[in-house]
C-alpha atoms as a PDB file:
ATOM      1  CA  MET A   1      -8.184   7.583 -26.980  1.00  0.00           C
ATOM      2  CA  SER A   2      -6.806  10.461 -24.084  1.00  0.00           C
ATOM      3  CA  PHE A   3      -4.933  13.114 -25.145  1.00  0.00           C
ATOM      4  CA  TYR A   4      -2.498  11.637 -22.580  1.00  0.00           C
ATOM      5  CA  GLN A   5      -1.052   8.396 -21.964  1.00  0.00           C
ATOM      6  CA  ARG A   6      -1.411   9.442 -18.107  1.00  0.00           C
ATOM      7  CA  HIS A   7      -1.619  12.785 -16.558  1.00  0.00           C
ATOM      8  CA  ALA A   8       0.566  13.317 -12.977  1.00  0.00           C
ATOM      9  CA  PHE A   9      -0.963  16.454 -11.068  1.00  0.00           C
ATOM     10  CA  PHE A  10       1.473  17.785  -8.538  1.00  0.00           C
ATOM     11  CA  CYS A  11      -0.495  19.120  -5.480  1.00  0.00           C
ATOM     12  CA  THR A  12       1.437  22.887  -5.552  1.00  0.00           C
ATOM     13  CA  ASN A  13      -0.923  25.409  -2.791  1.00  0.00           C
ATOM     14  CA  GLN A  14       0.956  27.498  -1.055  1.00  0.00           C
ATOM     15  CA  ARG A  15      -1.033  28.771   2.366  1.00  0.00           C
ATOM     16  CA  ASP A  16      -0.611  31.502   4.408  1.00  0.00           C
ATOM     17  CA  ASN A  17      -2.179  30.524   7.126  1.00  0.00           C
ATOM     18  CA  GLY A  18      -0.106  28.074   9.036  1.00  0.00           C
ATOM     19  CA  ARG A  19      -2.174  25.008   8.064  1.00  0.00           C
ATOM     20  CA  ALA A  20      -0.009  22.022   6.141  1.00  0.00           C
ATOM     21  CA  CYS A  21       0.410  22.612   2.324  1.00  0.00           C
ATOM     22  CA  CYS A  22       2.169  20.311  -0.246  1.00  0.00           C
ATOM     23  CA  GLN A  23       4.300  23.425  -0.914  1.00  0.00           C
ATOM     24  CA  ASP A  24       6.300  23.392   2.270  1.00  0.00           C
ATOM     25  CA  HIS A  25       7.658  20.330   0.961  1.00  0.00           C
ATOM     26  CA  GLY A  26       9.108  21.951  -2.213  1.00  0.00           C
ATOM     27  CA  ALA A  27       6.236  20.849  -4.834  1.00  0.00           C
ATOM     28  CA  SER A  28       6.774  23.039  -7.123  1.00  0.00           C
ATOM     29  CA  GLU A  29      10.828  22.478  -7.922  1.00  0.00           C
ATOM     30  CA  LEU A  30       9.270  18.872  -7.726  1.00  0.00           C
ATOM     31  CA  ARG A  31       7.182  19.335 -10.649  1.00  0.00           C
ATOM     32  CA  HIS A  32       9.734  20.985 -12.132  1.00  0.00           C
ATOM     33  CA  TYR A  33      12.120  17.770 -12.102  1.00  0.00           C
ATOM     34  CA  ALA A  34       9.413  15.620 -13.329  1.00  0.00           C
ATOM     35  CA  ARG A  35       8.842  17.520 -16.393  1.00  0.00           C
ATOM     36  CA  GLU A  36      12.731  18.225 -17.175  1.00  0.00           C
ATOM     37  CA  ARG A  37      12.856  14.272 -16.716  1.00  0.00           C
ATOM     38  CA  LEU A  38       9.846  13.453 -18.807  1.00  0.00           C
ATOM     39  CA  LYS A  39      11.257  15.742 -21.441  1.00  0.00           C
ATOM     40  CA  GLU A  40      14.670  14.244 -21.619  1.00  0.00           C
ATOM     41  CA  ALA A  41      12.756  11.037 -21.707  1.00  0.00           C
ATOM     42  CA  GLY A  42      10.935  12.473 -24.954  1.00  0.00           C
ATOM     43  CA  VAL A  43       7.786  11.406 -23.082  1.00  0.00           C
ATOM     44  CA  PHE A  44       6.318  15.395 -22.753  1.00  0.00           C
ATOM     45  CA  ASP A  45       4.411  16.108 -25.215  1.00  0.00           C
ATOM     46  CA  ALA A  46      -0.096  15.253 -27.026  1.00  0.00           C
ATOM     47  CA  GLY A  47       0.071  11.400 -26.543  1.00  0.00           C
ATOM     48  CA  GLY A  48       2.923  10.808 -24.184  1.00  0.00           C
ATOM     49  CA  ILE A  49       3.270  11.715 -20.611  1.00  0.00           C
ATOM     50  CA  ARG A  50       2.438  15.296 -18.494  1.00  0.00           C
ATOM     51  CA  ALA A  51       3.327  16.793 -15.055  1.00  0.00           C
ATOM     52  CA  SER A  52       0.826  19.821 -14.269  1.00  0.00           C
ATOM     53  CA  ALA A  53       0.641  21.994 -11.870  1.00  0.00           C
ATOM     54  CA  ALA A  54      -2.615  22.069  -9.377  1.00  0.00           C
ATOM     55  CA  GLY A  55      -4.052  23.968  -7.468  1.00  0.00           C
ATOM     56  CA  CYS A  56      -5.362  22.338  -3.949  1.00  0.00           C
ATOM     57  CA  LEU A  57      -6.102  18.597  -3.940  1.00  0.00           C
ATOM     58  CA  GLY A  58      -7.112  18.465  -0.681  1.00  0.00           C
ATOM     59  CA  ARG A  59      -5.151  15.722   0.965  1.00  0.00           C
ATOM     60  CA  CYS A  60      -2.843  18.592   2.839  1.00  0.00           C
ATOM     61  CA  GLU A  61      -2.037  16.067   6.293  1.00  0.00           C
ATOM     62  CA  GLU A  62      -0.735  13.331   3.657  1.00  0.00           C
ATOM     63  CA  GLY A  63       0.867  15.943   1.606  1.00  0.00           C
ATOM     64  CA  PRO A  64       3.011  16.450  -0.822  1.00  0.00           C
ATOM     65  CA  VAL A  65       0.139  14.363  -3.128  1.00  0.00           C
ATOM     66  CA  ILE A  66       0.229  14.100  -6.809  1.00  0.00           C
ATOM     67  CA  VAL A  67      -2.536  12.445  -8.659  1.00  0.00           C
ATOM     68  CA  VAL A  68      -2.197   9.949 -11.164  1.00  0.00           C
ATOM     69  CA  TYR A  69      -4.877   9.647 -14.249  1.00  0.00           C
ATOM     70  CA  PRO A  70      -6.374   8.009 -15.830  1.00  0.00           C
ATOM     71  CA  GLU A  71      -5.674   5.003 -12.688  1.00  0.00           C
ATOM     72  CA  GLY A  72      -6.410   7.987 -10.438  1.00  0.00           C
ATOM     73  CA  THR A  73      -3.468   6.235  -7.712  1.00  0.00           C
ATOM     74  CA  TRP A  74      -2.471   8.972  -4.958  1.00  0.00           C
ATOM     75  CA  TYR A  75       1.117   9.257  -4.349  1.00  0.00           C
ATOM     76  CA  THR A  76       3.437  11.212  -1.744  1.00  0.00           C
ATOM     77  CA  TYR A  77       6.423  12.240  -2.475  1.00  0.00           C
ATOM     78  CA  PHE A  78       9.823  13.991  -0.487  1.00  0.00           C
ATOM     79  CA  SER A  79      12.556  13.476  -2.718  1.00  0.00           C
ATOM     80  CA  ARG A  80      13.773  13.495  -6.015  1.00  0.00           C
ATOM     81  CA  GLU A  81      14.445   9.466  -5.540  1.00  0.00           C
ATOM     82  CA  ASP A  82      10.450   9.586  -4.860  1.00  0.00           C
ATOM     83  CA  VAL A  83       9.777  11.494  -8.187  1.00  0.00           C
ATOM     84  CA  ASP A  84      12.634   9.289 -10.568  1.00  0.00           C
ATOM     85  CA  LEU A  85      10.697   5.694  -9.126  1.00  0.00           C
ATOM     86  CA  ILE A  86       6.943   7.513  -9.751  1.00  0.00           C
ATOM     87  CA  ILE A  87       8.314   8.377 -12.789  1.00  0.00           C
ATOM     88  CA  ASP A  88      10.395   4.710 -13.720  1.00  0.00           C
ATOM     89  CA  GLU A  89       7.578   2.642 -12.235  1.00  0.00           C
ATOM     90  CA  HIS A  90       4.461   4.009 -12.827  1.00  0.00           C
ATOM     91  CA  LEU A  91       4.860   6.971 -15.346  1.00  0.00           C
ATOM     92  CA  LEU A  92       7.011   5.830 -18.010  1.00  0.00           C
ATOM     93  CA  GLY A  93       6.662   1.387 -16.878  1.00  0.00           C
ATOM     94  CA  GLY A  94       2.273   1.292 -15.961  1.00  0.00           C
ATOM     95  CA  ARG A  95       3.293  -0.477 -12.743  1.00  0.00           C
ATOM     96  CA  ILE A  96       1.671   1.310  -9.256  1.00  0.00           C
ATOM     97  CA  VAL A  97       4.704   2.293  -6.954  1.00  0.00           C
ATOM     98  CA  ASP A  98       2.709   1.145  -3.679  1.00  0.00           C
ATOM     99  CA  SER A  99       5.674   2.332  -1.715  1.00  0.00           C
ATOM    100  CA  LEU A 100       4.265   5.700  -1.924  1.00  0.00           C
ATOM    101  CA  ARG A 101       0.726   4.712  -2.665  1.00  0.00           C
ATOM    102  CA  ILE A 102      -1.763   6.582  -0.572  1.00  0.00           C
END
């Protein structure tokens, strides 16, 4: 059995050469927001759901991006509302959010 039911990795990479990166869109702040939402839901623990920071995930032009395991589903997002949708539908509900999927 997996240590977590689901694990969301938020790319929080910051480039200093002017190329597109997820941090240009506030990725760290939105990851922090997701972590707080999961803690409030009581699922941010072993056997539950985790939201972790990741370095570059290689999809800079589609960013900001999240990849959710074990499904391996990739998302883009731009707001707290998008993050709420991913949390409520996929992380908590197990339903892929096609409108944000890449």
